[in-house]
């Protein structure tokens, strides 16, 4: 649309500012096309659409340059006469139709990717949560196991100390009995 508006401005006024704008707009259009071509390299369907779009864009840009040349060479009447015969609307509609279909497909792909990201984020959250709870559970089991072992060891040490006391007592009594018998 910008290219068409700039072209009309130049054709009607002959002002070279509009001519510059039309040329810059045409160049920007081609740069955008190249960027979209690169961004959609992974999508064969979009690449096919771009292959259909490229000749239409080239025709539209060529039409702009032809009309600029016509306005410069033959004046406003010739330029307006050509505009009245063919304003480029058919070409613009074809371009817009392909671009709209491409935009819809990209929006659909974006939505699908956003859903995949949400699912992936949810799965990651669930995995991390479960892992965290399992880790805490494992730490609790280790803690309880250590606590039980410490308790058993303390009990064994108490029994050992008690046995040592009993053995000392028995040993003293044996010594007394042996001394009495000797």
C-alpha atoms as a PDB file:
ATOM      1  CA  UNK A   1       0.000   0.000   0.000  1.00  0.00           C
ATOM      2  CA  UNK A   2       2.815   2.408   0.846  1.00  0.00           C
ATOM      3  CA  UNK A   3       4.376   1.901  -2.585  1.00  0.00           C
ATOM      4  CA  UNK A   4       1.009   2.612  -4.251  1.00  0.00           C
ATOM      5  CA  UNK A   5       0.378   5.742  -2.189  1.00  0.00           C
ATOM      6  CA  UNK A   6       3.848   7.118  -2.883  1.00  0.00           C
ATOM      7  CA  UNK A   7       3.451   6.342  -6.585  1.00  0.00           C
ATOM      8  CA  UNK A   8       0.087   8.136  -6.749  1.00  0.00           C
ATOM      9  CA  UNK A   9       1.584  11.115  -4.945  1.00  0.00           C
ATOM     10  CA  UNK A  10       4.371  11.360  -7.518  1.00  0.00           C
ATOM     11  CA  UNK A  11       2.089  10.775 -10.514  1.00  0.00           C
ATOM     12  CA  UNK A  12      -0.323  13.501  -9.429  1.00  0.00           C
ATOM     13  CA  UNK A  13       2.190  16.092  -8.248  1.00  0.00           C
ATOM     14  CA  UNK A  14       5.411  15.303 -10.109  1.00  0.00           C
ATOM     15  CA  UNK A  15       7.155  16.029  -6.790  1.00  0.00           C
ATOM     16  CA  UNK A  16      10.423  14.052  -6.665  1.00  0.00           C
ATOM     17  CA  UNK A  17      10.003  13.553  -2.919  1.00  0.00           C
ATOM     18  CA  UNK A  18       7.201  11.097  -3.670  1.00  0.00           C
ATOM     19  CA  UNK A  19       9.416   9.482  -6.308  1.00  0.00           C
ATOM     20  CA  UNK A  20      12.112   8.976  -3.669  1.00  0.00           C
ATOM     21  CA  UNK A  21       9.538   7.580  -1.250  1.00  0.00           C
ATOM     22  CA  UNK A  22       8.199   5.213  -3.921  1.00  0.00           C
ATOM     23  CA  UNK A  23      11.723   3.948  -4.670  1.00  0.00           C
ATOM     24  CA  UNK A  24      12.521   3.542  -0.968  1.00  0.00           C
ATOM     25  CA  UNK A  25       9.204   1.771  -0.388  1.00  0.00           C
ATOM     26  CA  UNK A  26       9.901  -0.594  -3.287  1.00  0.00           C
ATOM     27  CA  UNK A  27      13.337  -1.357  -1.881  1.00  0.00           C
ATOM     28  CA  UNK A  28      11.904  -1.883   1.618  1.00  0.00           C
ATOM     29  CA  UNK A  29       9.295  -4.233   0.167  1.00  0.00           C
ATOM     30  CA  UNK A  30      12.002  -6.340  -1.480  1.00  0.00           C
ATOM     31  CA  UNK A  31      14.043  -6.330   1.761  1.00  0.00           C
ATOM     32  CA  UNK A  32      10.999  -7.516   3.724  1.00  0.00           C
ATOM     33  CA  UNK A  33      10.407 -10.231   1.156  1.00  0.00           C
ATOM     34  CA  UNK A  34      14.015 -11.441   1.540  1.00  0.00           C
ATOM     35  CA  UNK A  35      13.668 -11.421   5.337  1.00  0.00           C
ATOM     36  CA  UNK A  36      10.451 -13.474   5.193  1.00  0.00           C
ATOM     37  CA  UNK A  37      12.104 -15.863   2.745  1.00  0.00           C
ATOM     38  CA  UNK A  38      14.913 -16.463   5.257  1.00  0.00           C
ATOM     39  CA  UNK A  39      12.604 -16.679   8.282  1.00  0.00           C
ATOM     40  CA  UNK A  40      10.417 -19.330   6.675  1.00  0.00           C
ATOM     41  CA  UNK A  41      13.198 -21.582   5.357  1.00  0.00           C
ATOM     42  CA  UNK A  42      11.954 -24.410   7.561  1.00  0.00           C
ATOM     43  CA  UNK A  43       8.427 -24.258   6.104  1.00  0.00           C
ATOM     44  CA  UNK A  44       8.110 -25.735   2.611  1.00  0.00           C
ATOM     45  CA  UNK A  45       4.505 -24.561   2.193  1.00  0.00           C
ATOM     46  CA  UNK A  46       5.426 -20.949   2.945  1.00  0.00           C
ATOM     47  CA  UNK A  47       8.396 -21.218   0.576  1.00  0.00           C
ATOM     48  CA  UNK A  48       6.027 -22.322  -2.218  1.00  0.00           C
ATOM     49  CA  UNK A  49       3.758 -19.357  -1.467  1.00  0.00           C
ATOM     50  CA  UNK A  50       6.733 -17.029  -1.545  1.00  0.00           C
ATOM     51  CA  UNK A  51       7.714 -18.471  -4.928  1.00  0.00           C
ATOM     52  CA  UNK A  52       4.232 -17.501  -6.174  1.00  0.00           C
ATOM     53  CA  UNK A  53       4.463 -14.104  -4.474  1.00  0.00           C
ATOM     54  CA  UNK A  54       7.870 -13.080  -5.846  1.00  0.00           C
ATOM     55  CA  UNK A  55       6.798 -12.602  -9.502  1.00  0.00           C
ATOM     56  CA  UNK A  56       3.758 -10.620  -8.346  1.00  0.00           C
ATOM     57  CA  UNK A  57       5.935  -8.319  -6.243  1.00  0.00           C
ATOM     58  CA  UNK A  58       8.435  -7.977  -9.076  1.00  0.00           C
ATOM     59  CA  UNK A  59       5.580  -7.057 -11.435  1.00  0.00           C
ATOM     60  CA  UNK A  60       4.227  -4.502  -8.955  1.00  0.00           C
ATOM     61  CA  UNK A  61       7.658  -2.904  -8.465  1.00  0.00           C
ATOM     62  CA  UNK A  62       8.217  -2.879 -12.251  1.00  0.00           C
ATOM     63  CA  UNK A  63       4.804  -1.245 -12.675  1.00  0.00           C
ATOM     64  CA  UNK A  64       5.806   1.475 -10.202  1.00  0.00           C
ATOM     65  CA  UNK A  65       9.049   2.186 -12.052  1.00  0.00           C
ATOM     66  CA  UNK A  66       7.285   2.197 -15.464  1.00  0.00           C
ATOM     67  CA  UNK A  67       4.714   4.683 -14.249  1.00  0.00           C
ATOM     68  CA  UNK A  68       7.345   6.913 -12.710  1.00  0.00           C
ATOM     69  CA  UNK A  69       9.212   6.891 -16.021  1.00  0.00           C
ATOM     70  CA  UNK A  70       5.966   7.574 -17.921  1.00  0.00           C
ATOM     71  CA  UNK A  71       5.168  10.548 -15.646  1.00  0.00           C
ATOM     72  CA  UNK A  72       8.666  11.953 -16.108  1.00  0.00           C
ATOM     73  CA  UNK A  73       8.756  11.413 -19.881  1.00  0.00           C
ATOM     74  CA  UNK A  74       5.169  12.148 -20.982  1.00  0.00           C
ATOM     75  CA  UNK A  75       3.607  14.143 -18.140  1.00  0.00           C
ATOM     76  CA  UNK A  76       0.631  13.902 -15.852  1.00  0.00           C
ATOM     77  CA  UNK A  77      -2.029  13.166 -18.508  1.00  0.00           C
ATOM     78  CA  UNK A  78      -0.250  10.020 -19.707  1.00  0.00           C
ATOM     79  CA  UNK A  79       0.329   8.853 -16.099  1.00  0.00           C
ATOM     80  CA  UNK A  80      -3.295   9.467 -15.073  1.00  0.00           C
ATOM     81  CA  UNK A  81      -4.511   7.755 -18.242  1.00  0.00           C
ATOM     82  CA  UNK A  82      -2.535   4.615 -17.370  1.00  0.00           C
ATOM     83  CA  UNK A  83      -3.728   4.756 -13.767  1.00  0.00           C
ATOM     84  CA  UNK A  84      -7.347   4.923 -14.961  1.00  0.00           C
ATOM     85  CA  UNK A  85      -6.858   1.868 -17.180  1.00  0.00           C
ATOM     86  CA  UNK A  86      -4.981  -0.262 -14.634  1.00  0.00           C
ATOM     87  CA  UNK A  87      -4.356   1.002 -11.146  1.00  0.00           C
ATOM     88  CA  UNK A  88      -2.632  -2.237 -10.136  1.00  0.00           C
ATOM     89  CA  UNK A  89      -5.515  -3.187  -7.846  1.00  0.00           C
ATOM     90  CA  UNK A  90      -5.770  -6.703  -9.293  1.00  0.00           C
ATOM     91  CA  UNK A  91      -2.087  -7.289  -8.669  1.00  0.00           C
ATOM     92  CA  UNK A  92      -2.381  -5.796  -5.186  1.00  0.00           C
ATOM     93  CA  UNK A  93      -5.339  -8.095  -4.386  1.00  0.00           C
ATOM     94  CA  UNK A  94      -3.366 -11.153  -5.517  1.00  0.00           C
ATOM     95  CA  UNK A  95      -0.430 -10.088  -3.350  1.00  0.00           C
ATOM     96  CA  UNK A  96      -2.687  -9.384  -0.364  1.00  0.00           C
ATOM     97  CA  UNK A  97      -4.448 -12.742  -0.727  1.00  0.00           C
ATOM     98  CA  UNK A  98      -1.177 -14.684  -0.597  1.00  0.00           C
ATOM     99  CA  UNK A  99       0.183 -12.537   2.248  1.00  0.00           C
ATOM    100  CA  UNK A 100      -3.037 -12.992   4.263  1.00  0.00           C
ATOM    101  CA  UNK A 101      -2.892 -16.773   3.838  1.00  0.00           C
ATOM    102  CA  UNK A 102       0.772 -16.745   4.894  1.00  0.00           C
ATOM    103  CA  UNK A 103       0.002 -14.590   7.936  1.00  0.00           C
ATOM    104  CA  UNK A 104      -2.821 -16.930   8.975  1.00  0.00           C
ATOM    105  CA  UNK A 105      -0.494 -19.917   8.679  1.00  0.00           C
ATOM    106  CA  UNK A 106       2.232 -18.180  10.696  1.00  0.00           C
ATOM    107  CA  UNK A 107      -0.284 -17.189  13.382  1.00  0.00           C
ATOM    108  CA  UNK A 108      -1.497 -20.793  13.515  1.00  0.00           C
ATOM    109  CA  UNK A 109       2.091 -22.055  13.784  1.00  0.00           C
ATOM    110  CA  UNK A 110       2.797 -19.500  16.500  1.00  0.00           C
ATOM    111  CA  UNK A 111      -0.269 -20.640  18.443  1.00  0.00           C
ATOM    112  CA  UNK A 112       0.801 -24.282  18.131  1.00  0.00           C
ATOM    113  CA  UNK A 113       4.330 -23.411  19.273  1.00  0.00           C
ATOM    114  CA  UNK A 114       2.960 -21.447  22.226  1.00  0.00           C
ATOM    115  CA  UNK A 115       0.848 -24.456  23.217  1.00  0.00           C
ATOM    116  CA  UNK A 116       3.911 -26.715  22.947  1.00  0.00           C
ATOM    117  CA  UNK A 117       5.882 -24.312  25.137  1.00  0.00           C
ATOM    118  CA  UNK A 118       3.088 -24.260  27.737  1.00  0.00           C
ATOM    119  CA  UNK A 119       2.921 -28.062  27.746  1.00  0.00           C
ATOM    120  CA  UNK A 120       6.691 -28.280  27.987  1.00  0.00           C
ATOM    121  CA  UNK A 121       6.741 -25.763  30.842  1.00  0.00           C
ATOM    122  CA  UNK A 122       4.006 -27.680  32.661  1.00  0.00           C
ATOM    123  CA  UNK A 123       5.843 -30.973  32.179  1.00  0.00           C
ATOM    124  CA  UNK A 124       9.076 -29.402  33.400  1.00  0.00           C
ATOM    125  CA  UNK A 125       7.294 -28.017  36.457  1.00  0.00           C
ATOM    126  CA  UNK A 126       5.739 -31.407  37.207  1.00  0.00           C
ATOM    127  CA  UNK A 127       9.083 -33.176  36.708  1.00  0.00           C
ATOM    128  CA  UNK A 128      10.888 -30.711  38.966  1.00  0.00           C
ATOM    129  CA  UNK A 129       8.152 -30.927  41.604  1.00  0.00           C
ATOM    130  CA  UNK A 130       8.139 -34.722  41.621  1.00  0.00           C
ATOM    131  CA  UNK A 131      11.944 -34.782  41.673  1.00  0.00           C
ATOM    132  CA  UNK A 132      11.958 -32.338  44.577  1.00  0.00           C
ATOM    133  CA  UNK A 133       9.454 -34.390  46.560  1.00  0.00           C
ATOM    134  CA  UNK A 134      11.326 -37.607  45.790  1.00  0.00           C
ATOM    135  CA  UNK A 135      14.569 -35.951  46.885  1.00  0.00           C
ATOM    136  CA  UNK A 136      12.981 -34.762  50.121  1.00  0.00           C
ATOM    137  CA  UNK A 137      11.478 -38.217  50.687  1.00  0.00           C
ATOM    138  CA  UNK A 138      14.844 -39.853  50.107  1.00  0.00           C
ATOM    139  CA  UNK A 139      16.515 -37.427  52.506  1.00  0.00           C
ATOM    140  CA  UNK A 140      13.823 -38.184  55.114  1.00  0.00           C
ATOM    141  CA  UNK A 141      14.402 -41.949  54.714  1.00  0.00           C
ATOM    142  CA  UNK A 142      18.160 -41.471  55.079  1.00  0.00           C
ATOM    143  CA  UNK A 143      17.612 -39.295  58.146  1.00  0.00           C
ATOM    144  CA  UNK A 144      15.264 -41.850  59.737  1.00  0.00           C
ATOM    145  CA  UNK A 145      17.667 -44.687  58.911  1.00  0.00           C
ATOM    146  CA  UNK A 146      20.582 -42.817  60.480  1.00  0.00           C
ATOM    147  CA  UNK A 147      18.490 -41.938  63.512  1.00  0.00           C
ATOM    148  CA  UNK A 148      17.556 -45.632  63.970  1.00  0.00           C
ATOM    149  CA  UNK A 149      21.194 -46.715  63.597  1.00  0.00           C
ATOM    150  CA  UNK A 150      22.322 -44.102  66.100  1.00  0.00           C
ATOM    151  CA  UNK A 151      19.653 -45.288  68.546  1.00  0.00           C
ATOM    152  CA  UNK A 152      20.666 -48.935  68.057  1.00  0.00           C
ATOM    153  CA  UNK A 153      24.328 -48.044  68.494  1.00  0.00           C
ATOM    154  CA  UNK A 154      23.582 -46.086  71.660  1.00  0.00           C
ATOM    155  CA  UNK A 155      21.606 -49.049  72.997  1.00  0.00           C
ATOM    156  CA  UNK A 156      24.442 -51.438  72.068  1.00  0.00           C
ATOM    157  CA  UNK A 157      26.972 -49.177  73.805  1.00  0.00           C
ATOM    158  CA  UNK A 158      24.768 -49.051  76.911  1.00  0.00           C
ATOM    159  CA  UNK A 159      24.490 -52.848  76.873  1.00  0.00           C
ATOM    160  CA  UNK A 160      28.265 -53.090  76.408  1.00  0.00           C
ATOM    161  CA  UNK A 161      28.842 -50.733  79.323  1.00  0.00           C
ATOM    162  CA  UNK A 162      26.396 -52.713  81.454  1.00  0.00           C
ATOM    163  CA  UNK A 163      28.084 -55.957  80.412  1.00  0.00           C
ATOM    164  CA  UNK A 164      31.463 -54.462  81.299  1.00  0.00           C
ATOM    165  CA  UNK A 165      30.155 -53.514  84.755  1.00  0.00           C
ATOM    166  CA  UNK A 166      28.672 -56.988  85.229  1.00  0.00           C
ATOM    167  CA  UNK A 167      31.930 -58.599  84.065  1.00  0.00           C
ATOM    168  CA  UNK A 168      33.934 -56.481  86.491  1.00  0.00           C
ATOM    169  CA  UNK A 169      31.629 -57.471  89.277  1.00  0.00           C
ATOM    170  CA  UNK A 170      31.801 -61.153  88.332  1.00  0.00           C
ATOM    171  CA  UNK A 171      35.587 -60.881  88.029  1.00  0.00           C
ATOM    172  CA  UNK A 172      35.834 -59.375  91.527  1.00  0.00           C
ATOM    173  CA  UNK A 173      33.635 -62.103  92.895  1.00  0.00           C
ATOM    174  CA  UNK A 174      35.766 -64.753  91.169  1.00  0.00           C
ATOM    175  CA  UNK A 175      38.891 -63.280  92.608  1.00  0.00           C
ATOM    176  CA  UNK A 176      37.320 -63.384  96.046  1.00  0.00           C
ATOM    177  CA  UNK A 177      36.212 -67.009  95.573  1.00  0.00           C
ATOM    178  CA  UNK A 178      39.617 -68.022  94.255  1.00  0.00           C
ATOM    179  CA  UNK A 179      41.321 -66.294  97.167  1.00  0.00           C
ATOM    180  CA  UNK A 180      39.029 -68.010  99.631  1.00  0.00           C
ATOM    181  CA  UNK A 181      39.776 -71.391  98.115  1.00  0.00           C
ATOM    182  CA  UNK A 182      43.439 -70.932  98.062  1.00  0.00           C
END
